[in-house]
Amino acid sequence: MFVEPGDPVYEGQVVAENARDNDMAVNPTTTKKLSNMRTTSSDENIILKPARKMTLEQALEYIEEDELVEATPTSIRLRKELLTENQRKKAGRKKVVEVVEA
């Protein structure tokens, strides 16, 4: 995790690291639905590691080609170059069409 509970987040901000190589769109502000729980103790065992605070140099080394580092006086955040999921999908389709045509 790159953000702590209660930190303000916005669409396109990188909030955590995915174990796989692809990006996953998530909404960290929604609450978990408790309607289809099989056991009552399944959520009690979840322990999150503290948020990883990066320096500017670490953030610049960490980002991928479609990400940016946003530095403000109070924080250093990672974000996507294209903020909305729809914009990222359209750009991905255009890139695939350009590669096929070339």
C-alpha atoms as a PDB file:
ATOM      1  CA  MET A   1       0.000   0.000   0.000  1.00  0.00           C
ATOM      2  CA  PHE A   2       1.141   3.535  -0.777  1.00  0.00           C
ATOM      3  CA  VAL A   3      -1.656   5.383   1.065  1.00  0.00           C
ATOM      4  CA  GLU A   4      -2.793   5.178   4.665  1.00  0.00           C
ATOM      5  CA  PRO A   5      -6.414   4.909   5.828  1.00  0.00           C
ATOM      6  CA  GLY A   6      -8.044   8.320   5.738  1.00  0.00           C
ATOM      7  CA  ASP A   7      -5.690   9.805   3.124  1.00  0.00           C
ATOM      8  CA  PRO A   8      -7.535  11.608   0.321  1.00  0.00           C
ATOM      9  CA  VAL A   9      -7.332   9.734  -2.992  1.00  0.00           C
ATOM     10  CA  TYR A  10      -8.467  10.524  -6.527  1.00  0.00           C
ATOM     11  CA  GLU A  11      -9.118   8.589  -9.723  1.00  0.00           C
ATOM     12  CA  GLY A  12      -5.885   7.578 -11.417  1.00  0.00           C
ATOM     13  CA  GLN A  13      -3.786   7.638  -8.264  1.00  0.00           C
ATOM     14  CA  VAL A  14      -1.631   4.558  -7.645  1.00  0.00           C
ATOM     15  CA  VAL A  15      -2.683   3.349  -4.187  1.00  0.00           C
ATOM     16  CA  ALA A  16      -0.986  -0.063  -3.984  1.00  0.00           C
ATOM     17  CA  GLU A  17       1.275  -2.523  -5.740  1.00  0.00           C
ATOM     18  CA  ASN A  18      -0.203  -5.487  -7.617  1.00  0.00           C
ATOM     19  CA  ALA A  19       1.569  -8.853  -7.413  1.00  0.00           C
ATOM     20  CA  ARG A  20       0.884  -9.445 -11.114  1.00  0.00           C
ATOM     21  CA  ASP A  21       2.320  -7.423 -13.984  1.00  0.00           C
ATOM     22  CA  ASN A  22      -0.988  -5.836 -15.026  1.00  0.00           C
ATOM     23  CA  ASP A  23      -2.749  -2.821 -13.523  1.00  0.00           C
ATOM     24  CA  MET A  24      -5.962  -3.234 -11.557  1.00  0.00           C
ATOM     25  CA  ALA A  25      -8.555  -0.469 -11.259  1.00  0.00           C
ATOM     26  CA  VAL A  26      -9.876  -0.285  -7.686  1.00  0.00           C
ATOM     27  CA  ASN A  27     -11.943   2.124  -5.626  1.00  0.00           C
ATOM     28  CA  PRO A  28     -10.419   2.307  -2.135  1.00  0.00           C
ATOM     29  CA  THR A  29     -13.190   4.580  -0.836  1.00  0.00           C
ATOM     30  CA  THR A  30     -15.989   1.999  -1.039  1.00  0.00           C
ATOM     31  CA  THR A  31     -16.805  -0.219   1.925  1.00  0.00           C
ATOM     32  CA  LYS A  32     -16.794  -3.991   1.727  1.00  0.00           C
ATOM     33  CA  LYS A  33     -20.210  -5.578   1.326  1.00  0.00           C
ATOM     34  CA  LEU A  34     -20.923  -7.992   4.165  1.00  0.00           C
ATOM     35  CA  SER A  35     -23.954  -9.693   2.612  1.00  0.00           C
ATOM     36  CA  ASN A  36     -22.318 -12.923   1.378  1.00  0.00           C
ATOM     37  CA  MET A  37     -20.029 -13.878   4.261  1.00  0.00           C
ATOM     38  CA  ARG A  38     -19.489 -17.560   4.984  1.00  0.00           C
ATOM     39  CA  THR A  39     -17.716 -17.154   8.308  1.00  0.00           C
ATOM     40  CA  THR A  40     -17.657 -14.281  10.719  1.00  0.00           C
ATOM     41  CA  SER A  41     -13.945 -14.559  11.526  1.00  0.00           C
ATOM     42  CA  SER A  42     -12.581 -14.308   7.956  1.00  0.00           C
ATOM     43  CA  ASP A  43     -11.992 -10.524   8.123  1.00  0.00           C
ATOM     44  CA  GLU A  44     -10.554 -10.542  11.627  1.00  0.00           C
ATOM     45  CA  ASN A  45      -7.324 -12.194  10.432  1.00  0.00           C
ATOM     46  CA  ILE A  46      -6.459  -9.590   7.780  1.00  0.00           C
ATOM     47  CA  ILE A  47      -3.363  -7.631   8.776  1.00  0.00           C
ATOM     48  CA  LEU A  48      -2.189  -4.900   6.419  1.00  0.00           C
ATOM     49  CA  LYS A  49       1.397  -3.743   6.339  1.00  0.00           C
ATOM     50  CA  PRO A  50       1.972  -0.036   7.010  1.00  0.00           C
ATOM     51  CA  ALA A  51       1.922   2.256   3.991  1.00  0.00           C
ATOM     52  CA  ARG A  52       5.211   2.538   2.132  1.00  0.00           C
ATOM     53  CA  LYS A  53       6.478   6.132   2.162  1.00  0.00           C
ATOM     54  CA  MET A  54       8.821   6.837  -0.750  1.00  0.00           C
ATOM     55  CA  THR A  55      11.355   9.542  -1.284  1.00  0.00           C
ATOM     56  CA  LEU A  56      11.360  11.404  -4.588  1.00  0.00           C
ATOM     57  CA  GLU A  57      14.277   9.317  -5.869  1.00  0.00           C
ATOM     58  CA  GLN A  58      12.594   6.039  -4.916  1.00  0.00           C
ATOM     59  CA  ALA A  59       9.350   7.114  -6.585  1.00  0.00           C
ATOM     60  CA  LEU A  60      11.156   8.058  -9.799  1.00  0.00           C
ATOM     61  CA  GLU A  61      12.854   4.647  -9.894  1.00  0.00           C
ATOM     62  CA  TYR A  62       9.580   2.818  -9.160  1.00  0.00           C
ATOM     63  CA  ILE A  63       7.248   4.313 -11.793  1.00  0.00           C
ATOM     64  CA  GLU A  64       6.494   2.660 -15.116  1.00  0.00           C
ATOM     65  CA  GLU A  65       6.251   4.325 -18.521  1.00  0.00           C
ATOM     66  CA  ASP A  66       2.561   5.266 -18.110  1.00  0.00           C
ATOM     67  CA  GLU A  67       2.935   6.722 -14.597  1.00  0.00           C
ATOM     68  CA  LEU A  68       4.001  10.064 -13.148  1.00  0.00           C
ATOM     69  CA  VAL A  69       5.307  11.272  -9.786  1.00  0.00           C
ATOM     70  CA  GLU A  70       3.331  14.095  -8.205  1.00  0.00           C
ATOM     71  CA  ALA A  71       5.334  16.053  -5.647  1.00  0.00           C
ATOM     72  CA  THR A  72       3.645  18.564  -3.349  1.00  0.00           C
ATOM     73  CA  PRO A  73       5.039  20.242  -0.230  1.00  0.00           C
ATOM     74  CA  THR A  74       3.225  17.721   1.988  1.00  0.00           C
ATOM     75  CA  SER A  75       3.439  14.447   0.031  1.00  0.00           C
ATOM     76  CA  ILE A  76       4.854  12.478  -2.881  1.00  0.00           C
ATOM     77  CA  ARG A  77       2.226  10.504  -4.809  1.00  0.00           C
ATOM     78  CA  LEU A  78       2.262   8.165  -7.781  1.00  0.00           C
ATOM     79  CA  ARG A  79      -0.412   8.569 -10.441  1.00  0.00           C
ATOM     80  CA  LYS A  80      -1.278   7.384 -13.916  1.00  0.00           C
ATOM     81  CA  GLU A  81      -0.551   9.687 -16.848  1.00  0.00           C
ATOM     82  CA  LEU A  82      -4.166   9.303 -18.030  1.00  0.00           C
ATOM     83  CA  LEU A  83      -6.372   9.608 -14.968  1.00  0.00           C
ATOM     84  CA  THR A  84      -9.613   7.858 -15.967  1.00  0.00           C
ATOM     85  CA  GLU A  85      -9.889   4.161 -16.762  1.00  0.00           C
ATOM     86  CA  ASN A  86     -11.737   4.943 -20.012  1.00  0.00           C
ATOM     87  CA  GLN A  87      -8.904   7.177 -21.240  1.00  0.00           C
ATOM     88  CA  ARG A  88      -6.361   4.440 -20.501  1.00  0.00           C
ATOM     89  CA  LYS A  89      -8.429   1.831 -22.377  1.00  0.00           C
ATOM     90  CA  LYS A  90      -8.802   4.104 -25.426  1.00  0.00           C
ATOM     91  CA  ALA A  91      -5.072   4.837 -25.460  1.00  0.00           C
ATOM     92  CA  GLY A  92      -4.318   1.105 -25.215  1.00  0.00           C
ATOM     93  CA  ARG A  93      -6.577   0.363 -28.181  1.00  0.00           C
ATOM     94  CA  LYS A  94      -4.961   3.129 -30.242  1.00  0.00           C
ATOM     95  CA  LYS A  95      -1.515   1.748 -29.450  1.00  0.00           C
ATOM     96  CA  VAL A  96      -2.571  -1.745 -30.574  1.00  0.00           C
ATOM     97  CA  VAL A  97      -4.022  -0.379 -33.839  1.00  0.00           C
ATOM     98  CA  GLU A  98      -0.822   1.592 -34.528  1.00  0.00           C
ATOM     99  CA  VAL A  99       1.318  -1.496 -33.962  1.00  0.00           C
ATOM    100  CA  VAL A 100      -0.865  -3.644 -36.242  1.00  0.00           C
ATOM    101  CA  GLU A 101      -0.845  -1.019 -39.022  1.00  0.00           C
ATOM    102  CA  ALA A 102       2.931  -0.539 -38.883  1.00  0.00           C
END
